[in-house]
Amino acid sequence: MTKAKPVHNNYHHDDLRVKLIDATRAMIRDGGVEAVSLRKLAGRVGVSRTAAYHYFRDKNSLLCTLAEEGFRQWQEKIDEIFQDETRSPADRYRGYIRWYMTYALDNAEYYDLMFGRAIWKQNTATDSLKLIAFEVFQKQVAMTRYCQDQGFLPATEDSLRLAQVSWGTLHGLARLLIDGIYTDDSPIDEMCDCAANLLMR
């Protein structure tokens, strides 16, 4: 009778990948992107460096994967907001603005990687990250065009340029909040409403 092979690992491979990503988020939250290394990550999760390298060949690959996760969440939430037929199109747009700020503040480590210098300024984005980032921006343009068709974003403006400017407006506000330029007790809801009033007719 053939003996069963011994089980050397107490975790499922997919579970380990999730643990590595979650631990990376925690490392960034605690010490910034500079605090991340595959050696430290492996030690934090309690596995060998070889196990970590099985999923991520280097630090950049790890960071790009984390950014991709953020963009996937972004896509899903935009779809959820704008497919909600219980709300008017204008209310969906206002809801999107409030969600944007909440997401940026609650997921600052994702947000920094998605839109910050660590990847894009260094021109080290992986092809898969570039693809999903492009898809998310195209969704933003389509969302802007839809709002123009509904009559509450200015139809005279080019949809691409309007998407860039409106996103830039929200990004600037989010960065001021994340970086602590505005205090923790800033009236974020009122800021969101003001942004919506400025962008909408």
N, C-alpha and C. Protein backbone atom coordinates (compact mmCIF):
# COMPACT_ATOMS: atom_id res chain seq x y z
N MET A 1 0.85 -1.20 0.00
CA MET A 1 0.00 0.00 0.00
C MET A 1 0.89 1.26 0.00
N THR A 2 0.63 2.17 -0.90
CA THR A 2 1.45 3.38 -1.03
C THR A 2 1.14 4.35 0.10
N LYS A 3 2.18 4.84 0.73
CA LYS A 3 1.99 5.82 1.81
C LYS A 3 1.63 7.18 1.25
N ALA A 4 0.75 7.85 1.93
CA ALA A 4 0.39 9.21 1.52
C ALA A 4 1.57 10.15 1.75
N LYS A 5 1.75 11.07 0.86
CA LYS A 5 2.83 12.04 1.00
C LYS A 5 2.53 12.98 2.16
N PRO A 6 3.53 13.31 2.95
CA PRO A 6 3.30 14.22 4.09
C PRO A 6 2.94 15.62 3.62
N VAL A 7 2.12 16.29 4.37
CA VAL A 7 1.75 17.67 4.07
C VAL A 7 2.71 18.59 4.79
N HIS A 8 3.45 19.42 4.04
CA HIS A 8 4.46 20.28 4.64
C HIS A 8 3.92 21.65 5.02
N ASN A 9 2.84 22.07 4.38
CA ASN A 9 2.32 23.42 4.62
C ASN A 9 0.94 23.35 5.25
N ASN A 10 0.67 24.27 6.15
CA ASN A 10 -0.62 24.31 6.82
C ASN A 10 -1.55 25.32 6.20
N TYR A 11 -1.19 25.87 5.05
CA TYR A 11 -2.00 26.87 4.41
C TYR A 11 -2.23 26.51 2.95
N HIS A 12 -3.34 26.96 2.42
CA HIS A 12 -3.62 26.83 0.99
C HIS A 12 -2.88 27.93 0.26
N HIS A 13 -2.35 27.64 -0.93
CA HIS A 13 -1.53 28.63 -1.64
C HIS A 13 -2.26 29.94 -1.85
N ASP A 14 -3.54 29.87 -2.25
CA ASP A 14 -4.29 31.11 -2.47
C ASP A 14 -4.43 31.89 -1.16
N ASP A 15 -4.60 31.17 -0.06
CA ASP A 15 -4.69 31.83 1.24
C ASP A 15 -3.39 32.55 1.56
N LEU A 16 -2.26 31.96 1.20
CA LEU A 16 -0.97 32.59 1.46
C LEU A 16 -0.84 33.88 0.66
N ARG A 17 -1.27 33.86 -0.58
CA ARG A 17 -1.19 35.07 -1.41
C ARG A 17 -1.98 36.21 -0.77
N VAL A 18 -3.18 35.89 -0.29
CA VAL A 18 -4.01 36.90 0.38
C VAL A 18 -3.33 37.39 1.64
N LYS A 19 -2.73 36.48 2.39
CA LYS A 19 -2.04 36.88 3.62
C LYS A 19 -0.86 37.80 3.32
N LEU A 20 -0.14 37.51 2.24
CA LEU A 20 0.99 38.35 1.86
C LEU A 20 0.52 39.75 1.48
N ILE A 21 -0.57 39.83 0.73
CA ILE A 21 -1.10 41.13 0.32
C ILE A 21 -1.60 41.91 1.54
N ASP A 22 -2.34 41.23 2.42
CA ASP A 22 -2.85 41.90 3.62
C ASP A 22 -1.71 42.39 4.51
N ALA A 23 -0.67 41.58 4.63
CA ALA A 23 0.48 41.97 5.46
C ALA A 23 1.22 43.15 4.83
N THR A 24 1.27 43.19 3.50
CA THR A 24 1.91 44.32 2.82
C THR A 24 1.15 45.61 3.10
N ARG A 25 -0.16 45.54 3.04
CA ARG A 25 -0.97 46.72 3.36
C ARG A 25 -0.66 47.21 4.77
N ALA A 26 -0.56 46.28 5.70
CA ALA A 26 -0.28 46.66 7.09
C ALA A 26 1.11 47.28 7.21
N MET A 27 2.09 46.75 6.49
CA MET A 27 3.44 47.30 6.52
C MET A 27 3.46 48.72 5.97
N ILE A 28 2.73 48.95 4.89
CA ILE A 28 2.68 50.30 4.31
C ILE A 28 1.96 51.25 5.26
N ARG A 29 0.89 50.77 5.88
CA ARG A 29 0.14 51.60 6.82
C ARG A 29 1.02 51.99 8.02
N ASP A 30 1.88 51.06 8.44
CA ASP A 30 2.71 51.31 9.62
C ASP A 30 3.95 52.15 9.30
N GLY A 31 4.54 51.93 8.10
CA GLY A 31 5.82 52.59 7.84
C GLY A 31 6.02 53.12 6.45
N GLY A 32 4.97 53.10 5.62
CA GLY A 32 5.09 53.59 4.26
C GLY A 32 5.66 52.55 3.32
N VAL A 33 5.70 52.89 2.03
CA VAL A 33 6.19 51.98 1.01
C VAL A 33 7.63 51.57 1.29
N GLU A 34 8.41 52.50 1.84
CA GLU A 34 9.82 52.24 2.09
C GLU A 34 10.03 51.09 3.09
N ALA A 35 9.02 50.82 3.91
CA ALA A 35 9.14 49.77 4.92
C ALA A 35 8.96 48.38 4.35
N VAL A 36 8.53 48.27 3.11
CA VAL A 36 8.22 46.98 2.52
C VAL A 36 9.45 46.33 1.92
N SER A 37 9.65 45.06 2.25
CA SER A 37 10.64 44.22 1.58
C SER A 37 10.11 42.79 1.64
N LEU A 38 10.46 41.98 0.66
CA LEU A 38 9.98 40.61 0.65
C LEU A 38 10.54 39.82 1.84
N ARG A 39 11.75 40.14 2.26
CA ARG A 39 12.33 39.46 3.41
C ARG A 39 11.52 39.74 4.67
N LYS A 40 11.24 41.03 4.91
CA LYS A 40 10.44 41.40 6.08
C LYS A 40 9.02 40.85 5.98
N LEU A 41 8.48 40.87 4.76
CA LEU A 41 7.12 40.37 4.56
C LEU A 41 7.03 38.89 4.89
N ALA A 42 7.99 38.11 4.42
CA ALA A 42 8.00 36.67 4.70
C ALA A 42 8.07 36.42 6.20
N GLY A 43 8.92 37.19 6.88
CA GLY A 43 9.04 37.04 8.32
C GLY A 43 7.76 37.40 9.05
N ARG A 44 7.09 38.42 8.56
CA ARG A 44 5.85 38.88 9.19
C ARG A 44 4.74 37.83 9.06
N VAL A 45 4.69 37.16 7.92
CA VAL A 45 3.66 36.16 7.68
C VAL A 45 4.06 34.80 8.27
N GLY A 46 5.37 34.61 8.47
CA GLY A 46 5.83 33.35 9.04
C GLY A 46 6.11 32.27 8.01
N VAL A 47 6.59 32.69 6.83
CA VAL A 47 6.94 31.73 5.79
C VAL A 47 8.37 32.03 5.32
N SER A 48 8.89 31.16 4.50
CA SER A 48 10.24 31.37 3.97
C SER A 48 10.21 32.43 2.88
N ARG A 49 11.36 33.02 2.62
CA ARG A 49 11.45 33.99 1.53
C ARG A 49 11.13 33.33 0.20
N THR A 50 11.49 32.06 0.07
CA THR A 50 11.20 31.33 -1.16
C THR A 50 9.70 31.29 -1.41
N ALA A 51 8.93 31.10 -0.36
CA ALA A 51 7.47 31.05 -0.51
C ALA A 51 6.94 32.39 -0.99
N ALA A 52 7.48 33.49 -0.46
CA ALA A 52 7.04 34.81 -0.88
C ALA A 52 7.43 35.08 -2.33
N TYR A 53 8.65 34.68 -2.70
CA TYR A 53 9.12 34.89 -4.07
C TYR A 53 8.34 34.05 -5.08
N HIS A 54 7.68 33.00 -4.61
CA HIS A 54 6.85 32.19 -5.50
C HIS A 54 5.71 33.02 -6.08
N TYR A 55 5.23 34.01 -5.33
CA TYR A 55 4.11 34.84 -5.77
C TYR A 55 4.58 36.18 -6.35
N PHE A 56 5.63 36.73 -5.79
CA PHE A 56 6.09 38.06 -6.20
C PHE A 56 7.60 38.02 -6.41
N ARG A 57 8.04 38.30 -7.64
CA ARG A 57 9.46 38.15 -7.96
C ARG A 57 10.32 39.25 -7.32
N ASP A 58 9.68 40.40 -7.01
CA ASP A 58 10.42 41.48 -6.37
C ASP A 58 9.43 42.44 -5.72
N LYS A 59 9.96 43.47 -5.09
CA LYS A 59 9.11 44.43 -4.38
C LYS A 59 8.17 45.15 -5.33
N ASN A 60 8.65 45.51 -6.50
CA ASN A 60 7.81 46.23 -7.45
C ASN A 60 6.62 45.39 -7.88
N SER A 61 6.85 44.11 -8.12
CA SER A 61 5.75 43.21 -8.49
C SER A 61 4.70 43.16 -7.39
N LEU A 62 5.16 43.14 -6.16
CA LEU A 62 4.25 43.12 -5.01
C LEU A 62 3.42 44.40 -4.94
N LEU A 63 4.08 45.54 -5.09
CA LEU A 63 3.37 46.82 -5.01
C LEU A 63 2.37 46.97 -6.16
N CYS A 64 2.76 46.55 -7.35
CA CYS A 64 1.86 46.64 -8.50
C CYS A 64 0.64 45.76 -8.30
N THR A 65 0.84 44.59 -7.72
CA THR A 65 -0.28 43.69 -7.42
C THR A 65 -1.24 44.35 -6.44
N LEU A 66 -0.68 45.01 -5.44
CA LEU A 66 -1.52 45.69 -4.45
C LEU A 66 -2.33 46.81 -5.11
N ALA A 67 -1.69 47.57 -6.01
CA ALA A 67 -2.39 48.63 -6.73
C ALA A 67 -3.50 48.06 -7.60
N GLU A 68 -3.24 46.93 -8.24
CA GLU A 68 -4.26 46.29 -9.07
C GLU A 68 -5.49 45.94 -8.23
N GLU A 69 -5.26 45.42 -7.03
CA GLU A 69 -6.38 45.09 -6.14
C GLU A 69 -7.23 46.32 -5.88
N GLY A 70 -6.57 47.45 -5.68
CA GLY A 70 -7.31 48.68 -5.44
C GLY A 70 -8.14 49.09 -6.65
N PHE A 71 -7.59 48.98 -7.84
CA PHE A 71 -8.33 49.35 -9.05
C PHE A 71 -9.51 48.41 -9.29
N ARG A 72 -9.35 47.13 -8.95
CA ARG A 72 -10.48 46.21 -9.09
C ARG A 72 -11.62 46.60 -8.16
N GLN A 73 -11.28 46.93 -6.93
CA GLN A 73 -12.30 47.41 -6.00
C GLN A 73 -12.96 48.67 -6.53
N TRP A 74 -12.17 49.54 -7.12
CA TRP A 74 -12.66 50.80 -7.68
C TRP A 74 -13.68 50.52 -8.78
N GLN A 75 -13.34 49.63 -9.69
CA GLN A 75 -14.24 49.28 -10.79
C GLN A 75 -15.57 48.75 -10.26
N GLU A 76 -15.48 47.83 -9.33
CA GLU A 76 -16.68 47.20 -8.79
C GLU A 76 -17.59 48.22 -8.12
N LYS A 77 -16.99 49.15 -7.39
CA LYS A 77 -17.80 50.13 -6.66
C LYS A 77 -18.45 51.14 -7.60
N ILE A 78 -17.72 51.57 -8.63
CA ILE A 78 -18.32 52.50 -9.60
C ILE A 78 -19.52 51.85 -10.27
N ASP A 79 -19.38 50.58 -10.64
CA ASP A 79 -20.50 49.86 -11.26
C ASP A 79 -21.68 49.78 -10.30
N GLU A 80 -21.38 49.47 -9.05
CA GLU A 80 -22.45 49.34 -8.05
C GLU A 80 -23.20 50.66 -7.87
N ILE A 81 -22.46 51.76 -7.81
CA ILE A 81 -23.08 53.07 -7.60
C ILE A 81 -23.94 53.47 -8.79
N PHE A 82 -23.39 53.35 -9.99
CA PHE A 82 -24.09 53.87 -11.16
C PHE A 82 -25.11 52.91 -11.75
N GLN A 83 -25.20 51.70 -11.22
CA GLN A 83 -26.25 50.78 -11.63
C GLN A 83 -27.39 50.72 -10.61
N ASP A 84 -27.31 51.57 -9.60
CA ASP A 84 -28.34 51.61 -8.55
C ASP A 84 -29.54 52.41 -9.06
N GLU A 85 -30.55 51.71 -9.54
CA GLU A 85 -31.71 52.37 -10.14
C GLU A 85 -32.68 52.92 -9.11
N THR A 86 -32.39 52.72 -7.82
CA THR A 86 -33.25 53.30 -6.78
C THR A 86 -32.91 54.77 -6.56
N ARG A 87 -31.82 55.25 -7.16
CA ARG A 87 -31.40 56.63 -7.00
C ARG A 87 -31.39 57.32 -8.35
N SER A 88 -31.62 58.62 -8.34
CA SER A 88 -31.56 59.38 -9.58
C SER A 88 -30.11 59.46 -10.05
N PRO A 89 -29.88 59.70 -11.35
CA PRO A 89 -28.51 59.83 -11.85
C PRO A 89 -27.71 60.89 -11.09
N ALA A 90 -28.34 62.01 -10.76
CA ALA A 90 -27.62 63.06 -10.04
C ALA A 90 -27.24 62.60 -8.63
N ASP A 91 -28.14 61.87 -7.97
CA ASP A 91 -27.83 61.36 -6.64
C ASP A 91 -26.72 60.32 -6.69
N ARG A 92 -26.68 59.54 -7.78
CA ARG A 92 -25.60 58.56 -7.94
C ARG A 92 -24.26 59.28 -8.04
N TYR A 93 -24.23 60.38 -8.76
CA TYR A 93 -22.98 61.13 -8.92
C TYR A 93 -22.54 61.72 -7.59
N ARG A 94 -23.48 62.28 -6.85
CA ARG A 94 -23.14 62.79 -5.52
C ARG A 94 -22.66 61.66 -4.61
N GLY A 95 -23.30 60.52 -4.72
CA GLY A 95 -22.88 59.36 -3.93
C GLY A 95 -21.48 58.90 -4.30
N TYR A 96 -21.17 58.99 -5.59
CA TYR A 96 -19.82 58.63 -6.05
C TYR A 96 -18.77 59.54 -5.43
N ILE A 97 -19.05 60.83 -5.39
CA ILE A 97 -18.08 61.77 -4.82
C ILE A 97 -17.85 61.47 -3.34
N ARG A 98 -18.92 61.20 -2.62
CA ARG A 98 -18.75 60.89 -1.19
C ARG A 98 -18.00 59.57 -1.01
N TRP A 99 -18.31 58.58 -1.86
CA TRP A 99 -17.59 57.31 -1.77
C TRP A 99 -16.12 57.52 -2.06
N TYR A 100 -15.79 58.34 -3.05
CA TYR A 100 -14.41 58.60 -3.43
C TYR A 100 -13.60 59.05 -2.22
N MET A 101 -14.12 60.03 -1.50
CA MET A 101 -13.39 60.56 -0.35
C MET A 101 -13.27 59.52 0.76
N THR A 102 -14.34 58.79 0.99
CA THR A 102 -14.32 57.77 2.03
C THR A 102 -13.30 56.69 1.70
N TYR A 103 -13.29 56.27 0.45
CA TYR A 103 -12.34 55.23 0.03
C TYR A 103 -10.91 55.71 0.18
N ALA A 104 -10.65 56.91 -0.29
CA ALA A 104 -9.29 57.44 -0.24
C ALA A 104 -8.77 57.51 1.20
N LEU A 105 -9.62 57.93 2.11
CA LEU A 105 -9.20 58.08 3.51
C LEU A 105 -9.10 56.74 4.22
N ASP A 106 -10.03 55.84 3.94
CA ASP A 106 -10.04 54.54 4.63
C ASP A 106 -9.03 53.56 4.05
N ASN A 107 -8.58 53.80 2.82
CA ASN A 107 -7.65 52.89 2.15
C ASN A 107 -6.45 53.67 1.60
N ALA A 108 -5.87 54.48 2.46
CA ALA A 108 -4.80 55.38 2.00
C ALA A 108 -3.64 54.62 1.39
N GLU A 109 -3.32 53.41 1.92
CA GLU A 109 -2.19 52.65 1.38
C GLU A 109 -2.48 52.19 -0.05
N TYR A 110 -3.73 51.80 -0.32
CA TYR A 110 -4.12 51.46 -1.69
C TYR A 110 -4.08 52.71 -2.56
N TYR A 111 -4.69 53.77 -2.07
CA TYR A 111 -4.81 55.00 -2.85
C TYR A 111 -3.44 55.55 -3.24
N ASP A 112 -2.50 55.54 -2.29
CA ASP A 112 -1.16 56.04 -2.58
C ASP A 112 -0.49 55.24 -3.70
N LEU A 113 -0.66 53.93 -3.66
CA LEU A 113 -0.06 53.09 -4.70
C LEU A 113 -0.76 53.27 -6.05
N MET A 114 -2.07 53.39 -6.01
CA MET A 114 -2.84 53.52 -7.25
C MET A 114 -2.50 54.81 -8.00
N PHE A 115 -2.29 55.89 -7.25
CA PHE A 115 -2.13 57.19 -7.89
C PHE A 115 -0.85 57.93 -7.52
N GLY A 116 0.04 57.28 -6.78
CA GLY A 116 1.20 57.98 -6.26
C GLY A 116 2.49 57.74 -7.04
N ARG A 117 3.58 58.28 -6.49
CA ARG A 117 4.88 58.30 -7.15
C ARG A 117 5.58 56.95 -7.15
N ALA A 118 5.29 56.10 -6.13
CA ALA A 118 6.08 54.89 -5.93
C ALA A 118 6.14 54.01 -7.18
N ILE A 119 5.08 54.01 -7.95
CA ILE A 119 5.03 53.20 -9.17
C ILE A 119 5.09 54.06 -10.41
N TRP A 120 4.20 55.06 -10.53
CA TRP A 120 4.05 55.78 -11.79
C TRP A 120 5.21 56.72 -12.08
N LYS A 121 5.71 57.40 -11.06
CA LYS A 121 6.83 58.32 -11.28
C LYS A 121 8.09 57.56 -11.69
N GLN A 122 8.22 56.35 -11.17
CA GLN A 122 9.38 55.52 -11.48
C GLN A 122 9.22 54.75 -12.79
N ASN A 123 8.02 54.83 -13.38
CA ASN A 123 7.74 54.14 -14.64
C ASN A 123 7.98 52.63 -14.53
N THR A 124 7.50 52.05 -13.43
CA THR A 124 7.72 50.62 -13.19
C THR A 124 6.42 49.83 -13.14
N ALA A 125 5.32 50.41 -13.61
CA ALA A 125 4.03 49.71 -13.60
C ALA A 125 4.09 48.48 -14.50
N THR A 126 3.54 47.38 -14.01
CA THR A 126 3.47 46.17 -14.82
C THR A 126 2.40 46.34 -15.89
N ASP A 127 2.44 45.48 -16.91
CA ASP A 127 1.47 45.58 -17.99
C ASP A 127 0.04 45.38 -17.47
N SER A 128 -0.13 44.46 -16.53
CA SER A 128 -1.47 44.20 -16.00
C SER A 128 -1.99 45.39 -15.20
N LEU A 129 -1.10 46.09 -14.50
CA LEU A 129 -1.52 47.28 -13.77
C LEU A 129 -1.89 48.40 -14.74
N LYS A 130 -1.07 48.59 -15.77
CA LYS A 130 -1.39 49.62 -16.77
C LYS A 130 -2.74 49.35 -17.41
N LEU A 131 -3.04 48.09 -17.68
CA LEU A 131 -4.30 47.73 -18.33
C LEU A 131 -5.50 48.07 -17.45
N ILE A 132 -5.47 47.66 -16.20
CA ILE A 132 -6.63 47.90 -15.35
C ILE A 132 -6.77 49.38 -15.01
N ALA A 133 -5.63 50.10 -14.88
CA ALA A 133 -5.70 51.54 -14.64
C ALA A 133 -6.34 52.24 -15.83
N PHE A 134 -6.00 51.81 -17.03
CA PHE A 134 -6.59 52.39 -18.24
C PHE A 134 -8.08 52.09 -18.30
N GLU A 135 -8.47 50.86 -17.94
CA GLU A 135 -9.88 50.49 -17.95
C GLU A 135 -10.68 51.33 -16.97
N VAL A 136 -10.10 51.58 -15.80
CA VAL A 136 -10.79 52.39 -14.80
C VAL A 136 -10.96 53.82 -15.30
N PHE A 137 -9.93 54.37 -15.94
CA PHE A 137 -10.08 55.73 -16.44
C PHE A 137 -11.10 55.79 -17.57
N GLN A 138 -11.15 54.78 -18.43
CA GLN A 138 -12.15 54.76 -19.49
C GLN A 138 -13.56 54.69 -18.90
N LYS A 139 -13.69 53.98 -17.79
CA LYS A 139 -14.98 53.93 -17.10
C LYS A 139 -15.34 55.31 -16.55
N GLN A 140 -14.33 56.03 -16.07
CA GLN A 140 -14.55 57.39 -15.58
C GLN A 140 -15.03 58.30 -16.71
N VAL A 141 -14.43 58.15 -17.88
CA VAL A 141 -14.85 58.95 -19.03
C VAL A 141 -16.28 58.60 -19.42
N ALA A 142 -16.59 57.31 -19.45
CA ALA A 142 -17.95 56.88 -19.80
C ALA A 142 -18.96 57.38 -18.77
N MET A 143 -18.59 57.36 -17.50
CA MET A 143 -19.46 57.88 -16.45
C MET A 143 -19.69 59.37 -16.64
N THR A 144 -18.65 60.10 -17.00
CA THR A 144 -18.77 61.54 -17.24
C THR A 144 -19.69 61.81 -18.42
N ARG A 145 -19.53 61.06 -19.49
CA ARG A 145 -20.37 61.24 -20.68
C ARG A 145 -21.84 60.95 -20.34
N TYR A 146 -22.07 59.92 -19.53
CA TYR A 146 -23.43 59.59 -19.10
C TYR A 146 -24.04 60.75 -18.32
N CYS A 147 -23.26 61.33 -17.42
CA CYS A 147 -23.77 62.45 -16.62
C CYS A 147 -24.04 63.67 -17.51
N GLN A 148 -23.23 63.86 -18.54
CA GLN A 148 -23.49 64.94 -19.51
C GLN A 148 -24.80 64.69 -20.24
N ASP A 149 -25.02 63.45 -20.64
CA ASP A 149 -26.26 63.10 -21.35
C ASP A 149 -27.48 63.30 -20.47
N GLN A 150 -27.28 63.13 -19.15
CA GLN A 150 -28.38 63.32 -18.21
C GLN A 150 -28.64 64.80 -17.92
N GLY A 151 -27.72 65.66 -18.36
CA GLY A 151 -27.95 67.09 -18.28
C GLY A 151 -27.44 67.80 -17.05
N PHE A 152 -26.67 67.11 -16.17
CA PHE A 152 -26.21 67.81 -14.97
C PHE A 152 -24.69 67.98 -14.94
N LEU A 153 -23.98 67.53 -15.95
CA LEU A 153 -22.61 67.95 -16.18
C LEU A 153 -22.59 68.68 -17.51
N PRO A 154 -21.78 69.73 -17.66
CA PRO A 154 -21.84 70.58 -18.86
C PRO A 154 -21.56 69.81 -20.15
N ALA A 155 -22.55 69.78 -21.03
CA ALA A 155 -22.44 69.04 -22.29
C ALA A 155 -21.50 69.71 -23.28
N THR A 156 -21.19 70.99 -23.05
CA THR A 156 -20.33 71.72 -23.99
C THR A 156 -18.85 71.36 -23.83
N GLU A 157 -18.51 70.70 -22.73
CA GLU A 157 -17.12 70.33 -22.49
C GLU A 157 -16.82 68.95 -23.07
N ASP A 158 -15.59 68.78 -23.53
CA ASP A 158 -15.14 67.48 -24.02
C ASP A 158 -15.17 66.48 -22.87
N SER A 159 -15.73 65.29 -23.09
CA SER A 159 -15.90 64.31 -22.02
C SER A 159 -14.58 63.88 -21.41
N LEU A 160 -13.57 63.69 -22.25
CA LEU A 160 -12.26 63.29 -21.74
C LEU A 160 -11.67 64.36 -20.84
N ARG A 161 -11.69 65.62 -21.30
CA ARG A 161 -11.12 66.70 -20.50
C ARG A 161 -11.91 66.92 -19.22
N LEU A 162 -13.22 66.81 -19.30
CA LEU A 162 -14.05 66.98 -18.11
C LEU A 162 -13.78 65.87 -17.10
N ALA A 163 -13.58 64.65 -17.59
CA ALA A 163 -13.25 63.54 -16.69
C ALA A 163 -11.91 63.79 -16.01
N GLN A 164 -10.94 64.29 -16.76
CA GLN A 164 -9.62 64.57 -16.19
C GLN A 164 -9.70 65.66 -15.12
N VAL A 165 -10.44 66.72 -15.41
CA VAL A 165 -10.51 67.84 -14.48
C VAL A 165 -11.31 67.48 -13.23
N SER A 166 -12.43 66.78 -13.41
CA SER A 166 -13.25 66.41 -12.25
C SER A 166 -12.50 65.42 -11.36
N TRP A 167 -11.82 64.46 -11.98
CA TRP A 167 -11.04 63.50 -11.20
C TRP A 167 -9.89 64.22 -10.49
N GLY A 168 -9.26 65.15 -11.19
CA GLY A 168 -8.18 65.92 -10.57
C GLY A 168 -8.66 66.72 -9.38
N THR A 169 -9.87 67.26 -9.47
CA THR A 169 -10.44 68.02 -8.36
C THR A 169 -10.61 67.14 -7.13
N LEU A 170 -11.18 65.96 -7.33
CA LEU A 170 -11.40 65.04 -6.22
C LEU A 170 -10.07 64.51 -5.67
N HIS A 171 -9.14 64.24 -6.56
CA HIS A 171 -7.84 63.74 -6.13
C HIS A 171 -7.11 64.78 -5.27
N GLY A 172 -7.16 66.03 -5.69
CA GLY A 172 -6.51 67.08 -4.91
C GLY A 172 -7.09 67.20 -3.53
N LEU A 173 -8.41 67.13 -3.42
CA LEU A 173 -9.06 67.21 -2.12
C LEU A 173 -8.69 66.00 -1.26
N ALA A 174 -8.68 64.82 -1.89
CA ALA A 174 -8.33 63.60 -1.15
C ALA A 174 -6.90 63.67 -0.63
N ARG A 175 -5.98 64.18 -1.44
CA ARG A 175 -4.58 64.25 -1.02
C ARG A 175 -4.41 65.21 0.16
N LEU A 176 -5.12 66.32 0.13
CA LEU A 176 -5.04 67.27 1.24
C LEU A 176 -5.51 66.62 2.53
N LEU A 177 -6.52 65.78 2.44
CA LEU A 177 -7.04 65.10 3.62
C LEU A 177 -6.08 64.00 4.09
N ILE A 178 -5.59 63.20 3.14
CA ILE A 178 -4.69 62.11 3.48
C ILE A 178 -3.40 62.63 4.10
N ASP A 179 -2.87 63.69 3.53
CA ASP A 179 -1.59 64.23 3.97
C ASP A 179 -1.69 65.07 5.24
N GLY A 180 -2.91 65.25 5.74
CA GLY A 180 -3.08 65.96 7.00
C GLY A 180 -3.06 67.47 6.89
N ILE A 181 -3.13 67.98 5.65
CA ILE A 181 -3.19 69.44 5.47
C ILE A 181 -4.48 69.97 6.08
N TYR A 182 -5.58 69.22 5.85
CA TYR A 182 -6.83 69.52 6.52
C TYR A 182 -6.90 68.65 7.77
N THR A 183 -7.44 69.18 8.83
CA THR A 183 -7.48 68.46 10.10
C THR A 183 -8.50 67.34 10.06
N ASP A 184 -8.38 66.44 11.05
CA ASP A 184 -9.26 65.28 11.11
C ASP A 184 -10.73 65.64 11.26
N ASP A 185 -10.99 66.82 11.83
CA ASP A 185 -12.39 67.20 12.06
C ASP A 185 -12.94 68.07 10.92
N SER A 186 -12.25 68.05 9.78
CA SER A 186 -12.74 68.81 8.63
C SER A 186 -14.12 68.28 8.22
N PRO A 187 -15.03 69.18 7.83
CA PRO A 187 -16.38 68.75 7.42
C PRO A 187 -16.36 68.12 6.03
N ILE A 188 -15.97 66.84 5.96
CA ILE A 188 -15.76 66.18 4.68
C ILE A 188 -17.04 66.11 3.87
N ASP A 189 -18.16 65.81 4.52
CA ASP A 189 -19.43 65.73 3.79
C ASP A 189 -19.76 67.06 3.12
N GLU A 190 -19.51 68.15 3.83
CA GLU A 190 -19.77 69.47 3.25
C GLU A 190 -18.84 69.74 2.08
N MET A 191 -17.60 69.32 2.18
CA MET A 191 -16.66 69.47 1.07
C MET A 191 -17.13 68.69 -0.15
N CYS A 192 -17.60 67.49 0.08
CA CYS A 192 -18.10 66.66 -1.02
C CYS A 192 -19.30 67.32 -1.70
N ASP A 193 -20.21 67.85 -0.88
CA ASP A 193 -21.37 68.53 -1.44
C ASP A 193 -20.96 69.76 -2.23
N CYS A 194 -19.96 70.48 -1.73
CA CYS A 194 -19.47 71.67 -2.44
C CYS A 194 -18.85 71.27 -3.78
N ALA A 195 -18.06 70.20 -3.78
CA ALA A 195 -17.44 69.72 -5.02
C ALA A 195 -18.52 69.33 -6.03
N ALA A 196 -19.56 68.64 -5.55
CA ALA A 196 -20.64 68.24 -6.44
C ALA A 196 -21.35 69.47 -7.01
N ASN A 197 -21.59 70.47 -6.17
CA ASN A 197 -22.28 71.68 -6.63
C ASN A 197 -21.45 72.43 -7.67
N LEU A 198 -20.14 72.43 -7.51
CA LEU A 198 -19.27 73.12 -8.47
C LEU A 198 -19.22 72.38 -9.82
N LEU A 199 -19.18 71.05 -9.74
CA LEU A 199 -19.05 70.27 -10.97
C LEU A 199 -20.38 70.12 -11.72
N MET A 200 -21.47 70.06 -10.94
CA MET A 200 -22.78 69.84 -11.55
C MET A 200 -23.44 71.17 -11.87
N ARG A 201 -24.39 71.13 -12.79
CA ARG A 201 -25.13 72.33 -13.13
C ARG A 201 -26.05 72.72 -11.97
